[in-house]
Structures are given as C-alpha cells and as structure tokens.
C-alpha cells in the first residue's frame, strides 16, 4: 500500500472526528463558557432560579455559594453551581 492508500483508508475516520468535534464538543464548550460567565457576573440583588426551581433574590455572595432570599425573613444558602439562570 502506498501513501495515497493509507490516506484514503483513514480519511473516513478523520471526517468523523471533525464532524464529532463541530456537532458535539464545540457547542458544549460554548455552553460551559456562557454558564461560567453567568455565574461570574452574579451580583447582590439579582433575581435567580435554582436548578431545583426555587426563585429568589441574591442577598450575599461568597466564592462557593450565594445566599438568596426566597420569602420575608427566609434566606437559604445555595451552591453557585446550583443556580440555573438569572431573571434580570
């Protein structure tokens, strides 16, 4: 087998790898980047929804968790990774 034969033999694998990257890995990396930016930009007063569906307003921020007010005189601590989205 010559060099041309080896290239044509591996070409389908190379094409599948490129398609796999652009269809699966690239969008996932983009989502992770957007999520990290969202978590890094949290500030006091932001209204959020947790992964568990709890709505609240951020009253305090720490490196690993945030404290959210969910009702009058009711505050809970939530891991930053447990925040699903920011409402405002």
PDB file of N, CA and C in Angstrom:
ATOM      1  N   UNK A   1       0.831  -1.171   0.000  1.00  0.00           N
ATOM      2  CA  UNK A   1       0.000   0.000   0.000  1.00  0.00           C
ATOM      3  C   UNK A   1       0.879   1.239   0.000  1.00  0.00           C
ATOM      4  N   UNK A   2       0.543   2.177  -0.840  1.00  0.00           N
ATOM      5  CA  UNK A   2       1.303   3.412  -0.915  1.00  0.00           C
ATOM      6  C   UNK A   2       0.774   4.437   0.062  1.00  0.00           C
ATOM      7  N   UNK A   3       1.392   5.587   0.053  1.00  0.00           N
ATOM      8  CA  UNK A   3       0.978   6.673   0.944  1.00  0.00           C
ATOM      9  C   UNK A   3      -0.443   7.129   0.616  1.00  0.00           C
ATOM     10  N   UNK A   4      -0.796   7.147  -0.661  1.00  0.00           N
ATOM     11  CA  UNK A   4      -2.148   7.540  -1.063  1.00  0.00           C
ATOM     12  C   UNK A   4      -3.188   6.566  -0.546  1.00  0.00           C
ATOM     13  N   UNK A   5      -2.846   5.285  -0.477  1.00  0.00           N
ATOM     14  CA  UNK A   5      -3.771   4.273   0.025  1.00  0.00           C
ATOM     15  C   UNK A   5      -4.043   4.434   1.512  1.00  0.00           C
ATOM     16  N   UNK A   6      -3.015   4.776   2.260  1.00  0.00           N
ATOM     17  CA  UNK A   6      -3.193   4.976   3.702  1.00  0.00           C
ATOM     18  C   UNK A   6      -4.058   6.203   3.995  1.00  0.00           C
ATOM     19  N   UNK A   7      -3.836   7.255   3.231  1.00  0.00           N
ATOM     20  CA  UNK A   7      -4.623   8.473   3.437  1.00  0.00           C
ATOM     21  C   UNK A   7      -6.097   8.203   3.147  1.00  0.00           C
ATOM     22  N   UNK A   8      -6.372   7.505   2.055  1.00  0.00           N
ATOM     23  CA  UNK A   8      -7.770   7.222   1.720  1.00  0.00           C
ATOM     24  C   UNK A   8      -8.387   6.238   2.718  1.00  0.00           C
ATOM     25  N   UNK A   9      -7.563   5.411   3.353  1.00  0.00           N
ATOM     26  CA  UNK A   9      -8.057   4.474   4.351  1.00  0.00           C
ATOM     27  C   UNK A   9      -8.483   5.205   5.632  1.00  0.00           C
ATOM     28  N   UNK A  10      -7.716   6.196   6.031  1.00  0.00           N
ATOM     29  CA  UNK A  10      -8.005   6.923   7.269  1.00  0.00           C
ATOM     30  C   UNK A  10      -8.903   8.143   7.076  1.00  0.00           C
ATOM     31  N   UNK A  11      -9.176   8.531   5.859  1.00  0.00           N
ATOM     32  CA  UNK A  11      -9.986   9.718   5.590  1.00  0.00           C
ATOM     33  C   UNK A  11     -11.376   9.652   6.239  1.00  0.00           C
ATOM     34  N   UNK A  12     -12.107   8.541   6.171  1.00  0.00           N
ATOM     35  CA  UNK A  12     -13.423   8.497   6.835  1.00  0.00           C
ATOM     36  C   UNK A  12     -13.330   8.733   8.349  1.00  0.00           C
ATOM     37  N   UNK A  13     -12.281   8.208   8.981  1.00  0.00           N
ATOM     38  CA  UNK A  13     -12.108   8.407  10.424  1.00  0.00           C
ATOM     39  C   UNK A  13     -11.823   9.871  10.748  1.00  0.00           C
ATOM     40  N   UNK A  14     -11.041  10.513   9.913  1.00  0.00           N
ATOM     41  CA  UNK A  14     -10.724  11.927  10.100  1.00  0.00           C
ATOM     42  C   UNK A  14     -11.986  12.770   9.930  1.00  0.00           C
ATOM     43  N   UNK A  15     -12.772  12.459   8.922  1.00  0.00           N
ATOM     44  CA  UNK A  15     -14.020  13.201   8.681  1.00  0.00           C
ATOM     45  C   UNK A  15     -14.981  13.028   9.855  1.00  0.00           C
ATOM     46  N   UNK A  16     -15.120  11.812  10.365  1.00  0.00           N
ATOM     47  CA  UNK A  16     -15.998  11.553  11.509  1.00  0.00           C
ATOM     48  C   UNK A  16     -15.511  12.330  12.737  1.00  0.00           C
ATOM     49  N   UNK A  17     -14.207  12.376  12.953  1.00  0.00           N
ATOM     50  CA  UNK A  17     -13.654  13.106  14.094  1.00  0.00           C
ATOM     51  C   UNK A  17     -13.948  14.599  13.984  1.00  0.00           C
ATOM     52  N   UNK A  18     -13.810  15.165  12.800  1.00  0.00           N
ATOM     53  CA  UNK A  18     -14.081  16.591  12.595  1.00  0.00           C
ATOM     54  C   UNK A  18     -15.569  16.880  12.802  1.00  0.00           C
ATOM     55  N   UNK A  19     -16.427  16.042  12.251  1.00  0.00           N
ATOM     56  CA  UNK A  19     -17.874  16.222  12.426  1.00  0.00           C
ATOM     57  C   UNK A  19     -18.243  16.088  13.906  1.00  0.00           C
ATOM     58  N   UNK A  20     -17.679  15.108  14.586  1.00  0.00           N
ATOM     59  CA  UNK A  20     -17.924  14.905  16.015  1.00  0.00           C
ATOM     60  C   UNK A  20     -17.548  16.158  16.801  1.00  0.00           C
ATOM     61  N   UNK A  21     -16.420  16.752  16.489  1.00  0.00           N
ATOM     62  CA  UNK A  21     -15.966  17.957  17.182  1.00  0.00           C
ATOM     63  C   UNK A  21     -16.959  19.099  16.992  1.00  0.00           C
ATOM     64  N   UNK A  22     -17.346  19.359  15.750  1.00  0.00           N
ATOM     65  CA  UNK A  22     -18.215  20.501  15.476  1.00  0.00           C
ATOM     66  C   UNK A  22     -19.670  20.266  15.877  1.00  0.00           C
ATOM     67  N   UNK A  23     -20.111  19.030  15.944  1.00  0.00           N
ATOM     68  CA  UNK A  23     -21.502  18.747  16.299  1.00  0.00           C
ATOM     69  C   UNK A  23     -21.701  18.571  17.807  1.00  0.00           C
ATOM     70  N   UNK A  24     -20.695  18.063  18.508  1.00  0.00           N
ATOM     71  CA  UNK A  24     -20.879  17.756  19.926  1.00  0.00           C
ATOM     72  C   UNK A  24     -19.978  18.562  20.857  1.00  0.00           C
ATOM     73  N   UNK A  25     -18.705  18.543  20.630  1.00  0.00           N
ATOM     74  CA  UNK A  25     -17.778  19.156  21.571  1.00  0.00           C
ATOM     75  C   UNK A  25     -17.810  20.674  21.540  1.00  0.00           C
ATOM     76  N   UNK A  26     -17.823  21.257  20.383  1.00  0.00           N
ATOM     77  CA  UNK A  26     -17.796  22.718  20.256  1.00  0.00           C
ATOM     78  C   UNK A  26     -19.012  23.382  20.909  1.00  0.00           C
ATOM     79  N   UNK A  27     -20.244  22.921  20.641  1.00  0.00           N
ATOM     80  CA  UNK A  27     -21.401  23.539  21.310  1.00  0.00           C
ATOM     81  C   UNK A  27     -21.358  23.375  22.834  1.00  0.00           C
ATOM     82  N   UNK A  28     -20.876  22.231  23.303  1.00  0.00           N
ATOM     83  CA  UNK A  28     -20.791  22.000  24.743  1.00  0.00           C
ATOM     84  C   UNK A  28     -19.793  22.965  25.383  1.00  0.00           C
ATOM     85  N   UNK A  29     -18.661  23.193  24.741  1.00  0.00           N
ATOM     86  CA  UNK A  29     -17.672  24.138  25.256  1.00  0.00           C
ATOM     87  C   UNK A  29     -18.244  25.550  25.285  1.00  0.00           C
ATOM     88  N   UNK A  30     -19.020  25.897  24.278  1.00  0.00           N
ATOM     89  CA  UNK A  30     -19.638  27.221  24.210  1.00  0.00           C
ATOM     90  C   UNK A  30     -20.637  27.406  25.353  1.00  0.00           C
ATOM     91  N   UNK A  31     -21.446  26.378  25.629  1.00  0.00           N
ATOM     92  CA  UNK A  31     -22.411  26.440  26.727  1.00  0.00           C
ATOM     93  C   UNK A  31     -21.702  26.575  28.071  1.00  0.00           C
ATOM     94  N   UNK A  32     -20.616  25.819  28.262  1.00  0.00           N
ATOM     95  CA  UNK A  32     -19.866  25.896  29.507  1.00  0.00           C
ATOM     96  C   UNK A  32     -19.285  27.292  29.709  1.00  0.00           C
ATOM     97  N   UNK A  33     -18.800  27.897  28.649  1.00  0.00           N
ATOM     98  CA  UNK A  33     -18.243  29.243  28.730  1.00  0.00           C
ATOM     99  C   UNK A  33     -19.328  30.249  29.111  1.00  0.00           C
ATOM    100  N   UNK A  34     -20.512  30.146  28.489  1.00  0.00           N
ATOM    101  CA  UNK A  34     -21.616  31.054  28.803  1.00  0.00           C
ATOM    102  C   UNK A  34     -22.069  30.887  30.252  1.00  0.00           C
ATOM    103  N   UNK A  35     -22.142  29.646  30.724  1.00  0.00           N
ATOM    104  CA  UNK A  35     -22.554  29.385  32.106  1.00  0.00           C
ATOM    105  C   UNK A  35     -21.548  29.964  33.095  1.00  0.00           C
ATOM    106  N   UNK A  36     -20.262  29.786  32.813  1.00  0.00           N
ATOM    107  CA  UNK A  36     -19.220  30.330  33.687  1.00  0.00           C
ATOM    108  C   UNK A  36     -19.309  31.849  33.738  1.00  0.00           C
ATOM    109  N   UNK A  37     -19.527  32.481  32.595  1.00  0.00           N
ATOM    110  CA  UNK A  37     -19.669  33.940  32.557  1.00  0.00           C
ATOM    111  C   UNK A  37     -20.884  34.389  33.364  1.00  0.00           C
ATOM    112  N   UNK A  38     -21.984  33.641  33.268  1.00  0.00           N
ATOM    113  CA  UNK A  38     -23.192  33.980  34.016  1.00  0.00           C
ATOM    114  C   UNK A  38     -22.930  33.873  35.521  1.00  0.00           C
ATOM    115  N   UNK A  39     -22.278  32.796  35.957  1.00  0.00           N
ATOM    116  CA  UNK A  39     -22.002  32.606  37.378  1.00  0.00           C
ATOM    117  C   UNK A  39     -21.005  33.637  37.898  1.00  0.00           C
ATOM    118  N   UNK A  40     -20.038  34.009  37.078  1.00  0.00           N
ATOM    119  CA  UNK A  40     -19.044  35.006  37.491  1.00  0.00           C
ATOM    120  C   UNK A  40     -19.633  36.409  37.576  1.00  0.00           C
ATOM    121  N   UNK A  41     -20.700  36.669  36.845  1.00  0.00           N
ATOM    122  CA  UNK A  41     -21.275  38.015  36.818  1.00  0.00           C
ATOM    123  C   UNK A  41     -22.417  38.205  37.821  1.00  0.00           C
ATOM    124  N   UNK A  42     -22.671  37.211  38.678  1.00  0.00           N
ATOM    125  CA  UNK A  42     -23.732  37.351  39.677  1.00  0.00           C
ATOM    126  C   UNK A  42     -23.411  38.496  40.627  1.00  0.00           C
ATOM    127  N   UNK A  43     -24.457  39.218  41.028  1.00  0.00           N
ATOM    128  CA  UNK A  43     -24.263  40.312  41.977  1.00  0.00           C
ATOM    129  C   UNK A  43     -25.457  40.389  42.918  1.00  0.00           C
ATOM    130  N   UNK A  44     -25.249  41.070  44.020  1.00  0.00           N
ATOM    131  CA  UNK A  44     -26.302  41.248  45.016  1.00  0.00           C
ATOM    132  C   UNK A  44     -27.499  41.944  44.366  1.00  0.00           C
ATOM    133  N   UNK A  45     -28.688  41.417  44.632  1.00  0.00           N
ATOM    134  CA  UNK A  45     -29.909  41.988  44.067  1.00  0.00           C
ATOM    135  C   UNK A  45     -30.412  41.262  42.829  1.00  0.00           C
ATOM    136  N   UNK A  46     -29.586  40.402  42.224  1.00  0.00           N
ATOM    137  CA  UNK A  46     -30.032  39.635  41.053  1.00  0.00           C
ATOM    138  C   UNK A  46     -31.125  38.653  41.454  1.00  0.00           C
ATOM    139  N   UNK A  47     -32.142  38.544  40.623  1.00  0.00           N
ATOM    140  CA  UNK A  47     -33.186  37.542  40.829  1.00  0.00           C
ATOM    141  C   UNK A  47     -32.779  36.304  40.037  1.00  0.00           C
ATOM    142  N   UNK A  48     -32.835  35.143  40.692  1.00  0.00           N
ATOM    143  CA  UNK A  48     -32.349  33.905  40.077  1.00  0.00           C
ATOM    144  C   UNK A  48     -33.369  32.782  40.216  1.00  0.00           C
ATOM    145  N   UNK A  49     -33.116  31.725  39.460  1.00  0.00           N
ATOM    146  CA  UNK A  49     -33.839  30.465  39.600  1.00  0.00           C
ATOM    147  C   UNK A  49     -32.781  29.395  39.828  1.00  0.00           C
ATOM    148  N   UNK A  50     -32.981  28.559  40.842  1.00  0.00           N
ATOM    149  CA  UNK A  50     -32.041  27.470  41.086  1.00  0.00           C
ATOM    150  C   UNK A  50     -32.396  26.278  40.199  1.00  0.00           C
ATOM    151  N   UNK A  51     -31.518  25.319  40.162  1.00  0.00           N
ATOM    152  CA  UNK A  51     -31.773  24.104  39.383  1.00  0.00           C
ATOM    153  C   UNK A  51     -33.012  23.380  39.920  1.00  0.00           C
ATOM    154  N   UNK A  52     -33.261  23.511  41.217  1.00  0.00           N
ATOM    155  CA  UNK A  52     -34.430  22.879  41.832  1.00  0.00           C
ATOM    156  C   UNK A  52     -35.726  23.642  41.626  1.00  0.00           C
ATOM    157  N   UNK A  53     -35.659  24.802  40.952  1.00  0.00           N
ATOM    158  CA  UNK A  53     -36.860  25.560  40.657  1.00  0.00           C
ATOM    159  C   UNK A  53     -37.222  26.602  41.699  1.00  0.00           C
ATOM    160  N   UNK A  54     -36.313  26.898  42.620  1.00  0.00           N
ATOM    161  CA  UNK A  54     -36.578  27.898  43.650  1.00  0.00           C
ATOM    162  C   UNK A  54     -36.216  29.278  43.115  1.00  0.00           C
ATOM    163  N   UNK A  55     -37.164  30.209  43.234  1.00  0.00           N
ATOM    164  CA  UNK A  55     -36.939  31.592  42.826  1.00  0.00           C
ATOM    165  C   UNK A  55     -36.447  32.366  44.036  1.00  0.00           C
ATOM    166  N   UNK A  56     -35.497  33.269  43.828  1.00  0.00           N
ATOM    167  CA  UNK A  56     -35.023  34.081  44.939  1.00  0.00           C
ATOM    168  C   UNK A  56     -34.205  35.260  44.462  1.00  0.00           C
ATOM    169  N   UNK A  57     -33.843  36.097  45.428  1.00  0.00           N
ATOM    170  CA  UNK A  57     -33.023  37.277  45.156  1.00  0.00           C
ATOM    171  C   UNK A  57     -31.728  37.143  45.946  1.00  0.00           C
ATOM    172  N   UNK A  58     -30.608  37.365  45.299  1.00  0.00           N
ATOM    173  CA  UNK A  58     -29.310  37.225  45.950  1.00  0.00           C
ATOM    174  C   UNK A  58     -29.136  38.334  46.983  1.00  0.00           C
ATOM    175  N   UNK A  59     -28.806  37.912  48.222  1.00  0.00           N
ATOM    176  CA  UNK A  59     -28.554  38.887  49.285  1.00  0.00           C
ATOM    177  C   UNK A  59     -27.092  38.916  49.696  1.00  0.00           C
ATOM    178  N   UNK A  60     -26.358  37.832  49.435  1.00  0.00           N
ATOM    179  CA  UNK A  60     -24.934  37.781  49.770  1.00  0.00           C
ATOM    180  C   UNK A  60     -24.244  36.798  48.836  1.00  0.00           C
ATOM    181  N   UNK A  61     -22.987  37.092  48.542  1.00  0.00           N
ATOM    182  CA  UNK A  61     -22.199  36.233  47.653  1.00  0.00           C
ATOM    183  C   UNK A  61     -20.914  35.804  48.343  1.00  0.00           C
ATOM    184  N   UNK A  62     -20.598  34.552  48.248  1.00  0.00           N
ATOM    185  CA  UNK A  62     -19.309  34.012  48.682  1.00  0.00           C
ATOM    186  C   UNK A  62     -18.714  33.301  47.475  1.00  0.00           C
ATOM    187  N   UNK A  63     -17.497  32.810  47.621  1.00  0.00           N
ATOM    188  CA  UNK A  63     -16.846  32.186  46.472  1.00  0.00           C
ATOM    189  C   UNK A  63     -17.560  30.921  46.008  1.00  0.00           C
ATOM    190  N   UNK A  64     -17.993  30.086  46.962  1.00  0.00           N
ATOM    191  CA  UNK A  64     -18.601  28.801  46.605  1.00  0.00           C
ATOM    192  C   UNK A  64     -20.126  28.791  46.638  1.00  0.00           C
ATOM    193  N   UNK A  65     -20.725  29.746  47.345  1.00  0.00           N
ATOM    194  CA  UNK A  65     -22.180  29.732  47.473  1.00  0.00           C
ATOM    195  C   UNK A  65     -22.732  31.151  47.505  1.00  0.00           C
ATOM    196  N   UNK A  66     -24.041  31.232  47.340  1.00  0.00           N
ATOM    197  CA  UNK A  66     -24.745  32.512  47.449  1.00  0.00           C
ATOM    198  C   UNK A  66     -25.888  32.332  48.448  1.00  0.00           C
ATOM    199  N   UNK A  67     -26.272  33.411  49.081  1.00  0.00           N
ATOM    200  CA  UNK A  67     -27.429  33.406  49.968  1.00  0.00           C
ATOM    201  C   UNK A  67     -28.553  34.100  49.220  1.00  0.00           C
ATOM    202  N   UNK A  68     -29.697  33.417  49.153  1.00  0.00           N
ATOM    203  CA  UNK A  68     -30.828  34.010  48.438  1.00  0.00           C
ATOM    204  C   UNK A  68     -32.022  34.162  49.372  1.00  0.00           C
ATOM    205  N   UNK A  69     -32.759  35.232  49.165  1.00  0.00           N
ATOM    206  CA  UNK A  69     -33.985  35.489  49.915  1.00  0.00           C
ATOM    207  C   UNK A  69     -35.132  34.917  49.090  1.00  0.00           C
ATOM    208  N   UNK A  70     -35.870  33.975  49.700  1.00  0.00           N
ATOM    209  CA  UNK A  70     -36.973  33.333  48.983  1.00  0.00           C
ATOM    210  C   UNK A  70     -38.337  33.814  49.469  1.00  0.00           C
ATOM    211  N   UNK A  71     -38.378  34.414  50.658  1.00  0.00           N
ATOM    212  CA  UNK A  71     -39.611  34.980  51.220  1.00  0.00           C
ATOM    213  C   UNK A  71     -39.201  35.945  52.327  1.00  0.00           C
ATOM    214  N   UNK A  72     -40.167  36.637  52.902  1.00  0.00           N
ATOM    215  CA  UNK A  72     -39.851  37.531  54.013  1.00  0.00           C
ATOM    216  C   UNK A  72     -39.212  36.741  55.151  1.00  0.00           C
ATOM    217  N   UNK A  73     -38.063  37.184  55.590  1.00  0.00           N
ATOM    218  CA  UNK A  73     -37.323  36.573  56.703  1.00  0.00           C
ATOM    219  C   UNK A  73     -36.900  35.132  56.423  1.00  0.00           C
ATOM    220  N   UNK A  74     -36.842  34.730  55.160  1.00  0.00           N
ATOM    221  CA  UNK A  74     -36.404  33.377  54.807  1.00  0.00           C
ATOM    222  C   UNK A  74     -35.275  33.476  53.789  1.00  0.00           C
ATOM    223  N   UNK A  75     -34.072  33.088  54.229  1.00  0.00           N
ATOM    224  CA  UNK A  75     -32.912  33.086  53.343  1.00  0.00           C
ATOM    225  C   UNK A  75     -32.299  31.697  53.355  1.00  0.00           C
ATOM    226  N   UNK A  76     -31.818  31.261  52.199  1.00  0.00           N
ATOM    227  CA  UNK A  76     -31.158  29.960  52.109  1.00  0.00           C
ATOM    228  C   UNK A  76     -29.834  30.119  51.380  1.00  0.00           C
ATOM    229  N   UNK A  77     -28.908  29.224  51.704  1.00  0.00           N
ATOM    230  CA  UNK A  77     -27.621  29.198  51.018  1.00  0.00           C
ATOM    231  C   UNK A  77     -27.707  28.169  49.897  1.00  0.00           C
ATOM    232  N   UNK A  78     -27.203  28.559  48.736  1.00  0.00           N
ATOM    233  CA  UNK A  78     -27.235  27.685  47.564  1.00  0.00           C
ATOM    234  C   UNK A  78     -25.850  27.682  46.935  1.00  0.00           C
ATOM    235  N   UNK A  79     -25.394  26.524  46.539  1.00  0.00           N
ATOM    236  CA  UNK A  79     -24.129  26.435  45.821  1.00  0.00           C
ATOM    237  C   UNK A  79     -24.230  27.219  44.517  1.00  0.00           C
ATOM    238  N   UNK A  80     -23.151  27.880  44.137  1.00  0.00           N
ATOM    239  CA  UNK A  80     -23.167  28.631  42.871  1.00  0.00           C
ATOM    240  C   UNK A  80     -23.510  27.713  41.702  1.00  0.00           C
ATOM    241  N   UNK A  81     -23.043  26.475  41.759  1.00  0.00           N
ATOM    242  CA  UNK A  81     -23.326  25.551  40.657  1.00  0.00           C
ATOM    243  C   UNK A  81     -24.798  25.147  40.616  1.00  0.00           C
ATOM    244  N   UNK A  82     -25.547  25.441  41.682  1.00  0.00           N
ATOM    245  CA  UNK A  82     -26.971  25.126  41.724  1.00  0.00           C
ATOM    246  C   UNK A  82     -27.858  26.201  41.124  1.00  0.00           C
ATOM    247  N   UNK A  83     -27.249  27.277  40.626  1.00  0.00           N
ATOM    248  CA  UNK A  83     -28.026  28.353  40.015  1.00  0.00           C
ATOM    249  C   UNK A  83     -28.240  28.031  38.545  1.00  0.00           C
ATOM    250  N   UNK A  84     -29.485  28.066  38.128  1.00  0.00           N
ATOM    251  CA  UNK A  84     -29.824  27.733  36.746  1.00  0.00           C
ATOM    252  C   UNK A  84     -29.783  28.946  35.832  1.00  0.00           C
ATOM    253  N   UNK A  85     -30.412  30.043  36.263  1.00  0.00           N
ATOM    254  CA  UNK A  85     -30.436  31.226  35.401  1.00  0.00           C
ATOM    255  C   UNK A  85     -30.696  32.488  36.208  1.00  0.00           C
ATOM    256  N   UNK A  86     -30.360  33.612  35.592  1.00  0.00           N
ATOM    257  CA  UNK A  86     -30.610  34.931  36.171  1.00  0.00           C
ATOM    258  C   UNK A  86     -31.820  35.517  35.453  1.00  0.00           C
ATOM    259  N   UNK A  87     -32.766  36.065  36.210  1.00  0.00           N
ATOM    260  CA  UNK A  87     -34.006  36.568  35.621  1.00  0.00           C
ATOM    261  C   UNK A  87     -33.902  37.988  35.096  1.00  0.00           C
ATOM    262  N   UNK A  88     -33.056  38.826  35.683  1.00  0.00           N
ATOM    263  CA  UNK A  88     -32.997  40.221  35.228  1.00  0.00           C
ATOM    264  C   UNK A  88     -31.672  40.554  34.605  1.00  0.00           C
TER     265      UNK A  88
END
